[in-house]
Protein backbone atom coordinates (compact mmCIF):
# COMPACT_ATOMS: atom_id res chain seq x y z
CA MET A 1 75.81 116.72 88.41
CA SER A 2 78.33 118.53 90.86
CA ASP A 3 77.40 115.71 93.31
CA PHE A 4 78.85 113.36 91.05
CA GLU A 5 81.93 114.60 89.84
CA PRO A 6 84.48 114.24 92.33
CA PHE A 7 86.96 117.27 93.21
CA TYR A 8 89.94 114.92 93.05
CA ASP A 9 89.66 113.26 89.50
CA VAL A 10 90.26 109.56 90.30
CA SER A 11 90.87 108.75 86.51
CA ARG A 12 93.55 111.08 86.24
CA SER A 13 97.34 110.79 88.26
CA TYR A 14 98.14 112.14 91.37
CA GLU A 15 100.44 114.38 89.62
CA ASP A 16 97.99 115.82 87.23
CA ASN A 17 95.28 116.25 89.98
CA TYR A 18 97.93 118.34 92.11
CA GLU A 19 98.68 120.28 89.14
CA GLN A 20 95.50 120.96 87.54
CA GLY A 21 92.92 120.50 90.43
CA PRO A 22 90.59 120.64 91.81
CA PHE A 23 87.78 119.66 89.73
CA GLY A 24 83.70 120.01 89.75
CA ALA A 25 82.07 121.98 92.05
CA PHE A 26 85.25 122.74 93.86
CA ALA A 27 86.73 124.35 90.70
CA GLY A 28 83.77 126.08 90.15
CA ALA A 29 84.11 127.58 93.88
CA LEU A 30 87.62 129.14 93.10
CA LYS A 31 86.11 130.84 90.25
CA ASP A 32 83.43 132.41 92.40
CA GLY A 33 85.29 135.27 94.27
CA ASN A 34 87.57 135.41 97.00
CA GLY A 35 85.22 134.82 99.99
CA ALA A 36 85.27 131.94 101.97
CA ASP A 37 82.10 129.71 101.72
CA ALA A 38 80.19 131.38 98.88
CA ALA A 39 76.91 129.88 99.91
CA GLY A 40 77.07 132.13 103.01
CA THR A 41 77.01 129.46 105.55
CA THR A 42 79.67 131.16 107.82
CA SER A 43 77.96 134.15 108.25
CA GLU A 44 76.35 133.29 111.83
CA GLY A 45 79.97 133.18 113.44
CA ALA A 46 82.00 130.45 115.02
CA SER A 47 79.68 128.56 117.56
CA ALA A 48 82.25 125.57 117.95
CA SER A 49 85.91 124.87 118.43
CA PHE A 50 88.52 122.49 117.00
CA LEU A 51 91.68 122.26 119.50
CA GLY A 52 90.97 125.76 120.78
CA GLN A 53 90.43 127.50 117.48
CA PRO A 54 86.87 128.65 116.89
CA VAL A 55 84.87 127.08 113.77
CA ASN A 56 81.36 127.51 112.71
CA LEU A 57 80.88 123.86 112.59
CA PRO A 58 83.40 120.85 113.50
CA PHE A 59 83.12 119.36 110.22
CA GLY A 60 85.48 119.06 107.31
CA ILE A 61 87.92 116.97 105.29
CA PRO A 62 90.87 115.07 106.87
CA ALA A 63 94.36 114.44 105.13
CA GLY A 64 94.22 112.92 101.72
CA PRO A 65 92.23 114.40 99.22
CA LEU A 66 93.14 118.36 99.85
CA LEU A 67 96.71 118.26 97.93
CA ASN A 68 97.35 122.02 98.07
CA SER A 69 96.18 125.33 98.83
CA ARG A 70 93.85 125.48 95.95
CA PHE A 71 92.27 122.44 96.93
CA THR A 72 91.89 123.68 100.94
CA THR A 73 90.77 127.22 99.57
CA ALA A 74 88.00 125.42 97.42
CA ALA A 75 87.09 123.35 100.77
CA PHE A 76 86.72 125.99 102.78
CA ARG A 77 84.34 128.10 100.08
CA MET A 78 82.02 124.97 99.95
CA GLY A 79 81.46 125.33 103.54
CA PHE A 80 84.11 122.76 105.06
CA ASP A 81 85.12 124.79 107.91
CA LEU A 82 88.02 122.13 109.01
CA ALA A 83 90.29 121.66 105.61
CA THR A 84 93.20 119.28 106.09
CA TYR A 85 96.10 119.68 104.10
CA LYS A 86 97.61 116.40 102.78
CA THR A 87 100.16 114.89 104.76
CA VAL A 88 103.61 116.33 104.31
CA ARG A 89 107.17 115.29 104.91
CA SER A 90 110.75 116.38 105.60
CA ARG A 91 111.73 115.55 101.86
CA ALA A 92 109.92 114.92 98.58
CA TRP A 93 108.28 111.45 98.51
CA GLY A 94 106.85 109.95 95.24
CA CYS A 95 103.11 108.57 94.76
CA ASN A 96 102.33 105.04 94.29
CA PRO A 97 101.89 104.12 90.53
CA PHE A 98 98.58 105.10 88.95
CA PRO A 99 95.87 103.90 89.51
CA ASN A 100 95.44 104.74 92.94
CA VAL A 101 91.58 104.96 93.19
CA LEU A 102 89.13 102.00 92.48
CA ALA A 103 85.53 101.36 93.55
CA VAL A 104 85.39 98.54 96.53
CA HIS A 105 82.48 96.60 96.52
CA PRO A 106 82.11 94.49 100.03
CA LYS A 107 79.56 91.33 99.80
CA SER A 108 77.53 92.74 103.04
CA ALA A 109 74.04 94.07 102.42
CA ASP A 110 75.06 97.37 103.72
CA GLY A 111 78.46 97.55 101.95
CA SER A 112 80.53 97.21 105.13
CA LEU A 113 83.73 95.91 105.95
CA THR A 114 84.63 94.60 109.67
CA PRO A 115 88.01 94.82 111.18
CA GLY A 116 89.58 91.31 111.37
CA SER A 117 86.99 89.26 109.08
CA ALA A 118 88.19 86.67 106.66
CA GLU A 119 86.88 88.80 103.72
CA LEU A 120 89.85 91.02 104.16
CA ASP A 121 92.28 88.44 103.44
CA GLU A 122 90.19 86.43 100.93
CA GLY A 123 89.45 89.60 98.70
CA VAL A 124 87.06 92.16 97.88
CA LEU A 125 86.12 93.07 94.50
CA ALA A 126 87.29 96.35 93.10
CA ASP A 127 86.90 97.80 89.81
CA THR A 128 85.94 101.32 88.15
CA ASN A 129 81.99 101.04 88.67
CA TYR A 130 81.50 103.98 91.28
CA GLU A 131 78.35 103.69 93.01
CA THR A 132 77.01 105.73 95.89
CA PRO A 133 77.14 105.27 98.84
CA ILE A 134 80.74 105.17 97.75
CA SER A 135 83.62 103.05 98.97
CA ILE A 136 86.95 103.12 97.40
CA SER A 137 90.75 101.96 97.43
CA ASN A 138 93.22 104.46 98.77
CA SER A 139 96.77 103.35 97.25
CA PHE A 140 98.93 106.78 97.37
CA GLY A 141 101.88 105.63 99.73
CA VAL A 142 101.64 109.22 101.34
CA PRO A 143 103.28 111.12 98.52
CA SER A 144 104.59 114.76 99.53
CA GLN A 145 106.28 117.63 97.60
CA SER A 146 109.80 118.89 99.12
CA PRO A 147 109.55 121.32 101.94
CA ASP A 148 110.48 124.24 99.65
CA ALA A 149 107.37 123.68 97.46
CA TRP A 150 104.92 122.73 100.53
CA GLN A 151 105.88 125.35 102.93
CA PRO A 152 104.85 128.59 100.99
CA ASP A 153 101.72 126.78 99.82
CA MET A 154 100.87 125.73 103.28
CA ARG A 155 101.30 129.50 104.37
CA ALA A 156 98.84 130.37 101.72
CA ALA A 157 96.35 127.87 102.62
CA ILE A 158 96.37 128.98 106.21
CA GLU A 159 95.78 132.60 105.25
CA ALA A 160 92.80 131.74 102.69
CA ALA A 161 90.63 130.35 105.73
CA GLY A 162 87.59 132.42 106.27
CA PRO A 163 85.93 133.53 109.67
CA GLY A 164 85.35 130.36 111.71
CA GLN A 165 87.57 128.20 109.69
CA VAL A 166 90.87 126.43 110.22
CA LEU A 167 93.44 124.87 108.01
CA VAL A 168 94.59 121.54 109.41
CA PRO A 169 98.31 120.58 108.76
CA SER A 170 98.93 117.00 108.63
CA PHE A 171 102.40 115.59 108.84
CA GLN A 172 104.75 112.13 109.38
CA GLY A 173 107.94 110.81 109.78
CA SER A 174 109.66 109.24 106.72
CA ARG A 175 111.63 106.08 107.43
CA VAL A 176 114.26 105.21 104.81
CA GLU A 177 116.58 102.15 104.46
CA GLY A 178 119.46 102.23 107.30
CA MET A 179 117.82 104.83 109.44
CA SER A 180 117.89 104.11 113.11
CA GLU A 181 114.89 104.48 115.34
CA GLU A 182 116.35 107.66 117.08
CA GLU A 183 116.57 109.09 113.24
CA TYR A 184 113.08 108.27 112.77
CA ILE A 185 112.12 109.75 115.63
CA ALA A 186 114.02 113.03 114.76
CA ASP A 187 112.46 113.21 111.10
CA HIS A 188 109.10 113.52 112.84
CA ALA A 189 110.48 116.22 115.04
CA THR A 190 112.11 118.01 112.06
CA THR A 191 108.95 117.79 110.02
CA ALA A 192 106.80 119.48 112.90
CA ARG A 193 109.27 122.10 113.13
CA LEU A 194 108.87 122.87 109.20
CA VAL A 195 105.07 122.92 109.68
CA LYS A 196 105.39 125.46 112.81
CA GLU A 197 107.17 127.58 110.65
CA THR A 198 104.25 128.10 108.36
CA GLY A 199 102.34 129.70 111.13
CA ALA A 200 100.34 126.52 111.79
CA LYS A 201 98.01 126.87 114.60
CA LEU A 202 97.59 123.09 115.45
CA MET A 203 98.86 119.87 113.49
CA VAL A 204 98.07 116.53 113.36
CA MET A 205 100.51 113.60 113.18
CA ASN A 206 99.95 110.68 110.64
CA THR A 207 100.69 107.40 112.08
CA SER A 208 98.18 105.38 110.61
CA CYS A 209 99.66 104.57 107.03
CA PRO A 210 102.77 102.12 106.36
CA ASN A 211 105.56 104.01 107.67
CA GLU A 212 108.11 101.33 108.49
CA GLY A 213 107.41 98.70 105.83
CA HIS A 214 104.15 97.09 104.04
CA ASN A 215 101.16 97.10 106.20
CA ARG A 216 103.30 97.90 109.33
CA LEU A 217 101.67 100.82 111.17
CA LEU A 218 103.22 103.10 113.57
CA CYS A 219 100.10 103.43 115.67
CA HIS A 220 100.23 99.72 116.48
CA ASN A 221 103.52 100.76 118.57
CA PRO A 222 102.00 102.85 121.19
CA LEU A 223 105.11 103.37 123.46
CA LEU A 224 107.40 104.39 120.00
CA VAL A 225 104.22 107.03 119.26
CA GLY A 226 104.65 108.20 122.74
CA ARG A 227 108.48 108.84 122.42
CA ILE A 228 107.99 110.38 119.06
CA THR A 229 105.26 112.96 120.43
CA GLU A 230 107.68 113.71 123.32
CA ALA A 231 110.23 114.83 120.63
CA VAL A 232 107.38 116.53 118.68
CA LYS A 233 106.21 118.39 121.60
CA GLN A 234 109.84 119.67 122.25
CA GLU A 235 109.97 121.36 118.51
CA ILE A 236 106.16 122.61 118.54
CA GLY A 237 105.64 123.97 122.29
CA ASP A 238 102.19 124.86 122.97
CA ILE A 239 100.68 124.33 119.49
CA PRO A 240 97.99 121.69 119.68
CA LEU A 241 99.05 118.03 118.31
CA MET A 242 96.47 115.46 117.30
CA VAL A 243 97.20 111.93 116.34
CA LYS A 244 95.90 110.12 113.62
CA LEU A 245 94.92 106.63 114.26
CA ALA A 246 94.08 103.48 112.36
CA TYR A 247 91.62 100.87 113.81
CA ILE A 248 93.20 99.32 116.95
CA PRO A 249 91.21 96.20 118.06
CA SER A 250 92.60 95.66 121.35
CA ASP A 251 91.32 98.28 124.14
CA GLY A 252 94.20 97.62 126.10
CA ASP A 253 96.41 98.97 123.25
CA LEU A 254 94.21 101.80 122.67
CA GLU A 255 94.47 102.66 126.37
CA LEU A 256 98.18 102.31 126.11
CA MET A 257 98.20 104.74 123.13
CA VAL A 258 96.21 107.16 125.44
CA ARG A 259 98.37 106.69 128.47
CA SER A 260 101.80 106.99 126.44
CA THR A 261 100.83 110.25 125.06
CA VAL A 262 97.72 112.39 126.20
CA GLY A 263 98.88 111.00 129.70
CA HIS A 264 102.35 112.62 129.45
CA GLY A 265 100.85 115.97 128.22
CA THR A 266 102.17 115.50 124.25
CA VAL A 267 98.78 115.09 122.73
CA GLN A 268 95.45 117.21 122.92
CA GLY A 269 93.35 114.72 120.72
CA PHE A 270 93.06 111.75 118.20
CA SER A 271 91.62 111.66 114.78
CA THR A 272 90.49 108.27 113.74
CA ILE A 273 89.85 106.07 111.55
CA ASN A 274 92.17 106.25 108.61
CA THR A 275 91.34 102.74 106.71
CA ILE A 276 90.98 99.40 106.47
CA SER A 277 93.38 97.00 104.90
CA ALA A 278 91.80 94.43 102.53
CA LYS A 279 92.99 92.25 99.62
CA LEU A 280 91.60 93.67 96.38
CA VAL A 281 90.84 91.39 93.56
CA ASP A 282 88.93 91.86 90.20
CA ALA A 283 86.05 89.96 88.97
CA ASN A 284 88.69 86.91 87.86
CA GLY A 285 90.02 87.02 91.63
CA ASN A 286 93.40 88.71 90.22
CA GLN A 287 94.96 91.25 92.00
CA ALA A 288 93.01 94.64 91.34
CA LEU A 289 95.96 97.21 91.60
CA PRO A 290 99.14 96.59 89.60
CA GLY A 291 102.46 96.40 90.92
CA ALA A 292 104.55 94.70 93.54
CA GLY A 293 103.42 95.04 97.30
CA ARG A 294 100.07 96.20 95.97
CA ASP A 295 97.91 93.26 96.64
CA ARG A 296 96.44 94.87 99.73
CA SER A 297 95.11 98.49 99.92
CA GLY A 298 93.51 100.66 102.44
CA VAL A 299 89.75 100.99 102.15
CA CYS A 300 87.84 104.19 102.92
CA GLY A 301 84.31 105.54 102.52
CA ASN A 302 80.92 103.88 103.02
CA ALA A 303 82.60 100.26 104.13
CA ILE A 304 84.42 101.68 107.13
CA ARG A 305 81.95 103.98 108.85
CA GLY A 306 80.94 100.89 111.50
CA ALA A 307 84.84 100.74 112.27
CA GLY A 308 85.27 104.26 112.63
CA LEU A 309 82.14 104.68 114.93
CA ASP A 310 83.31 101.84 117.14
CA MET A 311 86.88 103.56 117.83
CA VAL A 312 85.33 107.11 118.36
CA ALA A 313 82.96 105.25 120.95
CA ARG A 314 85.93 103.32 122.71
CA LEU A 315 88.16 106.12 122.75
CA ALA A 316 85.28 107.95 124.24
CA ALA A 317 84.92 105.77 127.24
CA ILE A 318 88.73 105.54 127.58
CA ARG A 319 88.41 109.39 128.06
CA GLU A 320 85.66 108.99 130.75
CA LYS A 321 87.49 106.06 132.22
CA LEU A 322 90.88 107.66 132.70
CA GLY A 323 89.68 111.13 133.47
CA LEU A 324 91.82 112.74 130.79
CA ASP A 325 91.12 115.69 128.61
CA PHE A 326 91.42 115.44 124.91
CA LYS A 327 89.53 115.66 121.76
CA ILE A 328 88.41 113.04 119.40
CA ASN A 329 88.08 113.95 115.57
CA GLY A 330 85.40 111.07 114.11
CA VAL A 331 86.55 109.72 110.40
CA GLY A 332 85.11 107.17 108.20
CA GLY A 333 82.49 106.91 106.04
CA VAL A 334 80.62 109.93 106.60
CA VAL A 335 78.25 110.60 103.60
CA SER A 336 75.17 112.04 104.95
CA PRO A 337 74.09 114.27 107.68
CA ALA A 338 72.96 111.37 109.53
CA ASP A 339 76.36 110.01 109.83
CA TYR A 340 77.98 113.32 111.01
CA GLN A 341 75.42 112.95 113.96
CA ALA A 342 76.24 109.62 114.57
CA TYR A 343 79.46 110.61 115.33
CA ARG A 344 78.74 113.25 117.34
CA ASN A 345 76.57 111.00 119.47
CA ALA A 346 79.44 108.40 119.81
CA GLY A 347 81.78 110.86 121.61
CA ALA A 348 83.26 112.68 118.48
CA ASP A 349 84.10 116.52 119.04
CA SER A 350 84.43 117.08 115.25
CA VAL A 351 83.94 115.13 112.61
CA MET A 352 85.42 114.75 108.83
CA SER A 353 84.70 113.43 105.70
CA ALA A 354 87.22 112.34 102.76
CA THR A 355 85.47 110.07 100.29
CA GLY A 356 82.03 111.40 100.92
CA ALA A 357 83.13 114.83 100.37
CA MET A 358 84.85 113.87 97.38
CA TRP A 359 81.29 112.51 95.83
CA ASP A 360 79.47 115.45 97.28
CA ALA A 361 80.62 118.78 97.24
CA GLU A 362 77.84 119.96 99.19
CA LEU A 363 78.09 117.49 101.94
CA ALA A 364 78.77 120.43 104.23
CA HIS A 365 76.00 122.55 103.32
CA LYS A 366 73.53 119.68 103.68
CA ILE A 367 74.89 118.99 107.14
CA LYS A 368 74.41 122.60 108.43
CA ALA A 369 71.04 122.73 106.70
CA SER A 370 70.12 119.77 108.65
CA ARG A 371 70.64 120.98 112.13
């Protein structure tokens, strides 16, 4: 039953999950002892790397469901060698109202969503009927504890990594009313410095959630991302920086992103994709998630695998075209060992699973057993 008991309990609030989680097999992993990966899959030694850090298998969980050091430590013990600490900010930031997660049911036979399709604006059915392969809504609003809370907890998360395992801190800037663009850039740099102070060996900057207003994504402004990463690099020095991207439909915009960051020496990799924005409706066609401004939500899981593979392949082609050296972390819809391999074949240097891992705590072990 552990395969079907998510380690993040979608029937509880974010706050309850933060205080009481993780659940299911992840909770059991915390009780099984102090060693990393109780199943022993780290015993062979590191055979790969992630942004210069040795890892047993370049597979793990991206920013989102690992809320604190208890979650990341459980992930390590369940064989996920890359555990991303949920995105932090320079200040405390509240979560969207409960519920945050619903099951999402696209119309296509394979359950996929296509970026730019009419279905995304017409409405996709969302309810509490969770079925595998799983797709869900992601409507949290990037909540964060204050640095006084997350800095010591992130230090503990880093120290809990076993041999061949890496804690991956995620951060983003926070735009508040009246803030200038220069202040917005400076907030990214400040947050990166706070992450650096925890002893982080690398970090990921999130540009793929609404940072500047409803459904406006920072990654849709490559030149601003370039300016921000320059400011961040001045704070973190040689620490490798990866940027998390949403789906970018234009090859020209995607190449401009690479030229504006990697081309200036400020970024060492990209993680993609985050979610696909869709209008979510209930069986009667009404707004599925309650509250103003929540008619749309990011969809993740099985539905977005095709879009994720497409972004990885296009980034790999741009990498070859420009002759630039950067890493690609593939994310989106990984629910099986075959999905992991598909991302590697598309050009991903590493792969992560959020929704798939939430519903299948044994996913890392299954991928390792399949190799």
